[in-house]
Amino acid sequence: MKHFVHPELGGLELTCQMLLDPGQSHSLLVYTAIPGSESHEKLQLLSVIGTQALGPA
């Protein structure tokens, strides 16, 4: 479990998977939230608002 703090949404708890391509020495980190969790709801909100600020301009 990894902990992140988003400037607009606050704390997020995400699980991390590392996918490796040993032939190319590449790796991909995939962060996901547990479905139904508060972090999952925050990620869904983030997918809608994108880079828009939530507070006053």
PDB file of N, CA and C in Angstrom:
ATOM      1  N   MET A   1       0.849  -1.171   0.000  1.00  0.00           N
ATOM      2  CA  MET A   1       0.000   0.000   0.000  1.00  0.00           C
ATOM      3  C   MET A   1       0.897   1.238   0.000  1.00  0.00           C
ATOM      4  N   LYS A   2       0.638   2.153  -0.916  1.00  0.00           N
ATOM      5  CA  LYS A   2       1.383   3.406  -1.012  1.00  0.00           C
ATOM      6  C   LYS A   2       0.442   4.543  -0.635  1.00  0.00           C
ATOM      7  N   HIS A   3       0.998   5.547   0.006  1.00  0.00           N
ATOM      8  CA  HIS A   3       0.212   6.708   0.429  1.00  0.00           C
ATOM      9  C   HIS A   3       0.669   7.933  -0.359  1.00  0.00           C
ATOM     10  N   PHE A   4      -0.309   8.654  -0.920  1.00  0.00           N
ATOM     11  CA  PHE A   4      -0.051   9.863  -1.681  1.00  0.00           C
ATOM     12  C   PHE A   4      -0.947  10.969  -1.135  1.00  0.00           C
ATOM     13  N   VAL A   5      -0.515  12.209  -1.321  1.00  0.00           N
ATOM     14  CA  VAL A   5      -1.348  13.355  -0.959  1.00  0.00           C
ATOM     15  C   VAL A   5      -1.529  14.205  -2.208  1.00  0.00           C
ATOM     16  N   HIS A   6      -2.756  14.260  -2.693  1.00  0.00           N
ATOM     17  CA  HIS A   6      -3.088  15.079  -3.854  1.00  0.00           C
ATOM     18  C   HIS A   6      -3.438  16.482  -3.351  1.00  0.00           C
ATOM     19  N   PRO A   7      -2.991  17.532  -4.039  1.00  0.00           N
ATOM     20  CA  PRO A   7      -3.229  18.893  -3.540  1.00  0.00           C
ATOM     21  C   PRO A   7      -4.702  19.283  -3.432  1.00  0.00           C
ATOM     22  N   GLU A   8      -5.567  18.701  -4.234  1.00  0.00           N
ATOM     23  CA  GLU A   8      -6.991  19.036  -4.195  1.00  0.00           C
ATOM     24  C   GLU A   8      -7.829  18.003  -3.440  1.00  0.00           C
ATOM     25  N   LEU A   9      -7.459  16.733  -3.545  1.00  0.00           N
ATOM     26  CA  LEU A   9      -8.293  15.653  -3.005  1.00  0.00           C
ATOM     27  C   LEU A   9      -7.825  15.122  -1.664  1.00  0.00           C
ATOM     28  N   GLY A  10      -6.596  15.438  -1.290  1.00  0.00           N
ATOM     29  CA  GLY A  10      -6.072  14.954  -0.012  1.00  0.00           C
ATOM     30  C   GLY A  10      -5.449  13.576  -0.137  1.00  0.00           C
ATOM     31  N   GLY A  11      -5.502  12.812   0.945  1.00  0.00           N
ATOM     32  CA  GLY A  11      -4.821  11.529   1.020  1.00  0.00           C
ATOM     33  C   GLY A  11      -5.435  10.446   0.141  1.00  0.00           C
ATOM     34  N   LEU A  12      -4.558   9.659  -0.464  1.00  0.00           N
ATOM     35  CA  LEU A  12      -4.955   8.516  -1.272  1.00  0.00           C
ATOM     36  C   LEU A  12      -4.137   7.307  -0.836  1.00  0.00           C
ATOM     37  N   GLU A  13      -4.781   6.161  -0.713  1.00  0.00           N
ATOM     38  CA  GLU A  13      -4.099   4.900  -0.419  1.00  0.00           C
ATOM     39  C   GLU A  13      -4.258   4.001  -1.641  1.00  0.00           C
ATOM     40  N   LEU A  14      -3.136   3.713  -2.295  1.00  0.00           N
ATOM     41  CA  LEU A  14      -3.167   2.964  -3.538  1.00  0.00           C
ATOM     42  C   LEU A  14      -2.271   1.737  -3.453  1.00  0.00           C
ATOM     43  N   THR A  15      -2.708   0.669  -4.104  1.00  0.00           N
ATOM     44  CA  THR A  15      -1.853  -0.503  -4.227  1.00  0.00           C
ATOM     45  C   THR A  15      -1.013  -0.337  -5.486  1.00  0.00           C
ATOM     46  N   CYS A  16       0.140  -0.967  -5.507  1.00  0.00           N
ATOM     47  CA  CYS A  16       1.070  -0.811  -6.618  1.00  0.00           C
ATOM     48  C   CYS A  16       1.464  -2.174  -7.159  1.00  0.00           C
ATOM     49  N   GLN A  17       1.451  -2.293  -8.471  1.00  0.00           N
ATOM     50  CA  GLN A  17       1.951  -3.487  -9.155  1.00  0.00           C
ATOM     51  C   GLN A  17       3.071  -3.043 -10.077  1.00  0.00           C
ATOM     52  N   MET A  18       4.146  -3.815 -10.121  1.00  0.00           N
ATOM     53  CA  MET A  18       5.234  -3.537 -11.054  1.00  0.00           C
ATOM     54  C   MET A  18       5.233  -4.610 -12.137  1.00  0.00           C
ATOM     55  N   LEU A  19       5.114  -4.161 -13.371  1.00  0.00           N
ATOM     56  CA  LEU A  19       5.162  -5.060 -14.515  1.00  0.00           C
ATOM     57  C   LEU A  19       6.532  -4.911 -15.160  1.00  0.00           C
ATOM     58  N   LEU A  20       7.240  -6.013 -15.309  1.00  0.00           N
ATOM     59  CA  LEU A  20       8.607  -5.990 -15.809  1.00  0.00           C
ATOM     60  C   LEU A  20       8.699  -6.565 -17.214  1.00  0.00           C
ATOM     61  N   ASP A  21       9.551  -5.955 -18.012  1.00  0.00           N
ATOM     62  CA  ASP A  21       9.933  -6.493 -19.309  1.00  0.00           C
ATOM     63  C   ASP A  21      11.437  -6.727 -19.258  1.00  0.00           C
ATOM     64  N   PRO A  22      11.859  -7.892 -18.789  1.00  0.00           N
ATOM     65  CA  PRO A  22      13.283  -8.128 -18.584  1.00  0.00           C
ATOM     66  C   PRO A  22      14.104  -8.046 -19.869  1.00  0.00           C
ATOM     67  N   GLY A  23      13.488  -8.326 -20.997  1.00  0.00           N
ATOM     68  CA  GLY A  23      14.210  -8.252 -22.262  1.00  0.00           C
ATOM     69  C   GLY A  23      14.592  -6.835 -22.652  1.00  0.00           C
ATOM     70  N   GLN A  24      13.811  -5.868 -22.193  1.00  0.00           N
ATOM     71  CA  GLN A  24      14.055  -4.469 -22.537  1.00  0.00           C
ATOM     72  C   GLN A  24      14.508  -3.638 -21.344  1.00  0.00           C
ATOM     73  N   SER A  25      14.588  -4.250 -20.187  1.00  0.00           N
ATOM     74  CA  SER A  25      14.938  -3.545 -18.940  1.00  0.00           C
ATOM     75  C   SER A  25      13.972  -2.400 -18.651  1.00  0.00           C
ATOM     76  N   HIS A  26      12.708  -2.602 -18.984  1.00  0.00           N
ATOM     77  CA  HIS A  26      11.668  -1.611 -18.707  1.00  0.00           C
ATOM     78  C   HIS A  26      10.769  -2.125 -17.592  1.00  0.00           C
ATOM     79  N   SER A  27      10.197  -1.185 -16.858  1.00  0.00           N
ATOM     80  CA  SER A  27       9.183  -1.550 -15.871  1.00  0.00           C
ATOM     81  C   SER A  27       8.062  -0.522 -15.918  1.00  0.00           C
ATOM     82  N   LEU A  28       6.882  -0.960 -15.549  1.00  0.00           N
ATOM     83  CA  LEU A  28       5.701  -0.110 -15.522  1.00  0.00           C
ATOM     84  C   LEU A  28       5.063  -0.256 -14.156  1.00  0.00           C
ATOM     85  N   LEU A  29       4.851   0.869 -13.470  1.00  0.00           N
ATOM     86  CA  LEU A  29       4.161   0.847 -12.184  1.00  0.00           C
ATOM     87  C   LEU A  29       2.699   1.188 -12.417  1.00  0.00           C
ATOM     88  N   VAL A  30       1.815   0.360 -11.866  1.00  0.00           N
ATOM     89  CA  VAL A  30       0.372   0.564 -12.002  1.00  0.00           C
ATOM     90  C   VAL A  30      -0.203   0.744 -10.603  1.00  0.00           C
ATOM     91  N   TYR A  31      -0.798   1.913 -10.361  1.00  0.00           N
ATOM     92  CA  TYR A  31      -1.395   2.219  -9.062  1.00  0.00           C
ATOM     93  C   TYR A  31      -2.906   2.126  -9.178  1.00  0.00           C
ATOM     94  N   THR A  32      -3.530   1.416  -8.251  1.00  0.00           N
ATOM     95  CA  THR A  32      -4.981   1.273  -8.237  1.00  0.00           C
ATOM     96  C   THR A  32      -5.498   1.416  -6.813  1.00  0.00           C
ATOM     97  N   ALA A  33      -6.766   1.754  -6.722  1.00  0.00           N
ATOM     98  CA  ALA A  33      -7.423   1.850  -5.416  1.00  0.00           C
ATOM     99  C   ALA A  33      -8.382   0.680  -5.268  1.00  0.00           C
ATOM    100  N   ILE A  34      -8.628   0.284  -4.050  1.00  0.00           N
ATOM    101  CA  ILE A  34      -9.568  -0.794  -3.779  1.00  0.00           C
ATOM    102  C   ILE A  34     -10.979  -0.308  -4.136  1.00  0.00           C
ATOM    103  N   PRO A  35     -11.698  -1.048  -4.997  1.00  0.00           N
ATOM    104  CA  PRO A  35     -13.058  -0.636  -5.375  1.00  0.00           C
ATOM    105  C   PRO A  35     -13.933  -0.409  -4.138  1.00  0.00           C
ATOM    106  N   GLY A  36     -14.679   0.709  -4.167  1.00  0.00           N
ATOM    107  CA  GLY A  36     -15.569   1.046  -3.066  1.00  0.00           C
ATOM    108  C   GLY A  36     -14.905   1.841  -1.954  1.00  0.00           C
ATOM    109  N   SER A  37     -13.580   1.979  -2.007  1.00  0.00           N
ATOM    110  CA  SER A  37     -12.878   2.724  -0.959  1.00  0.00           C
ATOM    111  C   SER A  37     -12.971   4.235  -1.215  1.00  0.00           C
ATOM    112  N   GLU A  38     -12.638   5.004  -0.207  1.00  0.00           N
ATOM    113  CA  GLU A  38     -12.620   6.461  -0.349  1.00  0.00           C
ATOM    114  C   GLU A  38     -11.613   6.874  -1.423  1.00  0.00           C
ATOM    115  N   SER A  39     -10.472   6.206  -1.461  1.00  0.00           N
ATOM    116  CA  SER A  39      -9.456   6.520  -2.474  1.00  0.00           C
ATOM    117  C   SER A  39      -9.984   6.231  -3.882  1.00  0.00           C
ATOM    118  N   HIS A  40     -10.755   5.173  -4.026  1.00  0.00           N
ATOM    119  CA  HIS A  40     -11.347   4.836  -5.325  1.00  0.00           C
ATOM    120  C   HIS A  40     -12.294   5.948  -5.770  1.00  0.00           C
ATOM    121  N   GLU A  41     -13.108   6.434  -4.858  1.00  0.00           N
ATOM    122  CA  GLU A  41     -14.033   7.523  -5.169  1.00  0.00           C
ATOM    123  C   GLU A  41     -13.272   8.785  -5.552  1.00  0.00           C
ATOM    124  N   LYS A  42     -12.173   9.067  -4.852  1.00  0.00           N
ATOM    125  CA  LYS A  42     -11.363  10.246  -5.164  1.00  0.00           C
ATOM    126  C   LYS A  42     -10.733  10.126  -6.551  1.00  0.00           C
ATOM    127  N   LEU A  43     -10.270   8.938  -6.921  1.00  0.00           N
ATOM    128  CA  LEU A  43      -9.697   8.747  -8.253  1.00  0.00           C
ATOM    129  C   LEU A  43     -10.761   8.914  -9.336  1.00  0.00           C
ATOM    130  N   GLN A  44     -11.970   8.457  -9.065  1.00  0.00           N
ATOM    131  CA  GLN A  44     -13.053   8.652 -10.029  1.00  0.00           C
ATOM    132  C   GLN A  44     -13.346  10.137 -10.203  1.00  0.00           C
ATOM    133  N   LEU A  45     -13.346  10.897  -9.101  1.00  0.00           N
ATOM    134  CA  LEU A  45     -13.549  12.342  -9.175  1.00  0.00           C
ATOM    135  C   LEU A  45     -12.418  12.994  -9.965  1.00  0.00           C
ATOM    136  N   LEU A  46     -11.200  12.557  -9.730  1.00  0.00           N
ATOM    137  CA  LEU A  46     -10.047  13.111 -10.430  1.00  0.00           C
ATOM    138  C   LEU A  46     -10.139  12.861 -11.930  1.00  0.00           C
ATOM    139  N   SER A  47     -10.688  11.713 -12.329  1.00  0.00           N
ATOM    140  CA  SER A  47     -10.828  11.428 -13.755  1.00  0.00           C
ATOM    141  C   SER A  47     -11.825  12.369 -14.420  1.00  0.00           C
ATOM    142  N   VAL A  48     -12.734  12.953 -13.641  1.00  0.00           N
ATOM    143  CA  VAL A  48     -13.727  13.883 -14.181  1.00  0.00           C
ATOM    144  C   VAL A  48     -13.189  15.315 -14.190  1.00  0.00           C
ATOM    145  N   ILE A  49     -12.560  15.712 -13.081  1.00  0.00           N
ATOM    146  CA  ILE A  49     -12.123  17.112 -12.987  1.00  0.00           C
ATOM    147  C   ILE A  49     -10.801  17.369 -13.692  1.00  0.00           C
ATOM    148  N   GLY A  50      -9.996  16.343 -13.879  1.00  0.00           N
ATOM    149  CA  GLY A  50      -8.710  16.501 -14.544  1.00  0.00           C
ATOM    150  C   GLY A  50      -7.822  17.492 -13.803  1.00  0.00           C
ATOM    151  N   THR A  51      -7.414  18.548 -14.485  1.00  0.00           N
ATOM    152  CA  THR A  51      -6.512  19.535 -13.884  1.00  0.00           C
ATOM    153  C   THR A  51      -7.245  20.780 -13.397  1.00  0.00           C
ATOM    154  N   GLN A  52      -8.581  20.761 -13.404  1.00  0.00           N
ATOM    155  CA  GLN A  52      -9.339  21.909 -12.919  1.00  0.00           C
ATOM    156  C   GLN A  52      -9.172  22.054 -11.407  1.00  0.00           C
ATOM    157  N   ALA A  53      -9.060  23.276 -10.923  1.00  0.00           N
ATOM    158  CA  ALA A  53      -8.981  23.540  -9.493  1.00  0.00           C
ATOM    159  C   ALA A  53     -10.366  23.436  -8.888  1.00  0.00           C
ATOM    160  N   LEU A  54     -10.467  22.863  -7.668  1.00  0.00           N
ATOM    161  CA  LEU A  54     -11.766  22.734  -6.998  1.00  0.00           C
ATOM    162  C   LEU A  54     -12.109  23.965  -6.185  1.00  0.00           C
ATOM    163  N   GLY A  55     -11.111  24.692  -5.714  1.00  0.00           N
ATOM    164  CA  GLY A  55     -11.341  25.853  -4.854  1.00  0.00           C
ATOM    165  C   GLY A  55     -11.496  27.132  -5.676  1.00  0.00           C
ATOM    166  N   PRO A  56     -11.644  28.267  -4.949  1.00  0.00           N
ATOM    167  CA  PRO A  56     -11.772  29.565  -5.634  1.00  0.00           C
ATOM    168  C   PRO A  56     -10.500  29.900  -6.411  1.00  0.00           C
ATOM    169  N   ALA A  57     -10.670  30.571  -7.513  1.00  0.00           N
ATOM    170  CA  ALA A  57      -9.519  30.924  -8.383  1.00  0.00           C
ATOM    171  C   ALA A  57      -8.712  32.075  -7.840  1.00  0.00           C
TER     172      ALA A  57
END
